[in-house]
Amino acid sequence: MEFTRIVIFIARYLYMHALVGLNLLVKQWHVS
């Protein structure tokens, strides 16, 4: 099924971006 592969790809993409965003937020919070 192509659909499940697309969903997994999008989910992984969003998950990675969320992790990077959280990392940046934590770093900024510690700096200030």
N, C-alpha and C. Protein backbone atom coordinates (compact mmCIF):
# COMPACT_ATOMS: atom_id res chain seq x y z
N MET A 1 0.85 -1.22 0.00
CA MET A 1 0.00 0.00 0.00
C MET A 1 0.88 1.25 0.00
N GLU A 2 0.63 2.13 -0.96
CA GLU A 2 1.38 3.38 -1.08
C GLU A 2 0.98 4.35 0.03
N PHE A 3 -0.32 4.34 0.40
CA PHE A 3 -0.85 5.32 1.36
C PHE A 3 -0.14 5.23 2.72
N THR A 4 0.02 4.02 3.22
CA THR A 4 0.64 3.87 4.54
C THR A 4 2.08 4.35 4.52
N ARG A 5 2.78 4.12 3.40
CA ARG A 5 4.16 4.57 3.30
C ARG A 5 4.24 6.09 3.32
N ILE A 6 3.29 6.73 2.65
CA ILE A 6 3.26 8.20 2.62
C ILE A 6 2.97 8.74 4.02
N VAL A 7 2.03 8.11 4.71
CA VAL A 7 1.67 8.55 6.06
C VAL A 7 2.86 8.41 7.00
N ILE A 8 3.57 7.28 6.91
CA ILE A 8 4.75 7.07 7.77
C ILE A 8 5.81 8.10 7.46
N PHE A 9 6.00 8.41 6.17
CA PHE A 9 7.00 9.39 5.76
C PHE A 9 6.67 10.76 6.34
N ILE A 10 5.41 11.18 6.23
CA ILE A 10 4.99 12.48 6.76
C ILE A 10 5.12 12.51 8.27
N ALA A 11 4.72 11.43 8.92
CA ALA A 11 4.80 11.37 10.39
C ALA A 11 6.25 11.50 10.85
N ARG A 12 7.16 10.80 10.16
CA ARG A 12 8.57 10.85 10.53
C ARG A 12 9.11 12.26 10.30
N TYR A 13 8.71 12.88 9.19
CA TYR A 13 9.15 14.23 8.85
C TYR A 13 8.71 15.22 9.92
N LEU A 14 7.43 15.15 10.30
CA LEU A 14 6.91 16.06 11.32
C LEU A 14 7.60 15.81 12.67
N TYR A 15 7.84 14.53 13.00
CA TYR A 15 8.47 14.17 14.26
C TYR A 15 9.88 14.75 14.35
N MET A 16 10.64 14.62 13.25
CA MET A 16 12.00 15.16 13.25
C MET A 16 11.99 16.68 13.41
N HIS A 17 11.07 17.34 12.72
CA HIS A 17 11.00 18.80 12.83
C HIS A 17 10.59 19.23 14.24
N ALA A 18 9.70 18.46 14.85
CA ALA A 18 9.27 18.78 16.22
C ALA A 18 10.46 18.64 17.18
N LEU A 19 11.27 17.59 16.98
CA LEU A 19 12.44 17.40 17.84
C LEU A 19 13.43 18.54 17.68
N VAL A 20 13.69 18.94 16.44
CA VAL A 20 14.63 20.03 16.18
C VAL A 20 14.11 21.33 16.80
N GLY A 21 12.80 21.59 16.63
CA GLY A 21 12.20 22.80 17.19
C GLY A 21 12.29 22.82 18.71
N LEU A 22 12.03 21.68 19.33
CA LEU A 22 12.12 21.60 20.79
C LEU A 22 13.56 21.85 21.25
N ASN A 23 14.50 21.27 20.53
CA ASN A 23 15.92 21.44 20.85
C ASN A 23 16.29 22.92 20.83
N LEU A 24 15.88 23.63 19.77
CA LEU A 24 16.19 25.05 19.65
C LEU A 24 15.53 25.84 20.77
N LEU A 25 14.29 25.51 21.10
CA LEU A 25 13.57 26.22 22.16
C LEU A 25 14.29 26.05 23.49
N VAL A 26 14.69 24.82 23.80
CA VAL A 26 15.38 24.55 25.06
C VAL A 26 16.69 25.32 25.12
N LYS A 27 17.44 25.32 24.00
CA LYS A 27 18.72 26.04 23.99
C LYS A 27 18.51 27.52 24.21
N GLN A 28 17.52 28.11 23.54
CA GLN A 28 17.24 29.54 23.71
C GLN A 28 16.84 29.83 25.14
N TRP A 29 16.02 28.95 25.72
CA TRP A 29 15.54 29.15 27.09
C TRP A 29 16.71 29.12 28.08
N HIS A 30 17.66 28.23 27.84
CA HIS A 30 18.82 28.14 28.73
C HIS A 30 19.74 29.33 28.58
N VAL A 31 19.84 29.87 27.37
CA VAL A 31 20.74 31.01 27.11
C VAL A 31 20.21 32.27 27.80
N SER A 32 18.91 32.52 27.67
CA SER A 32 18.35 33.76 28.22
C SER A 32 18.15 33.70 29.73
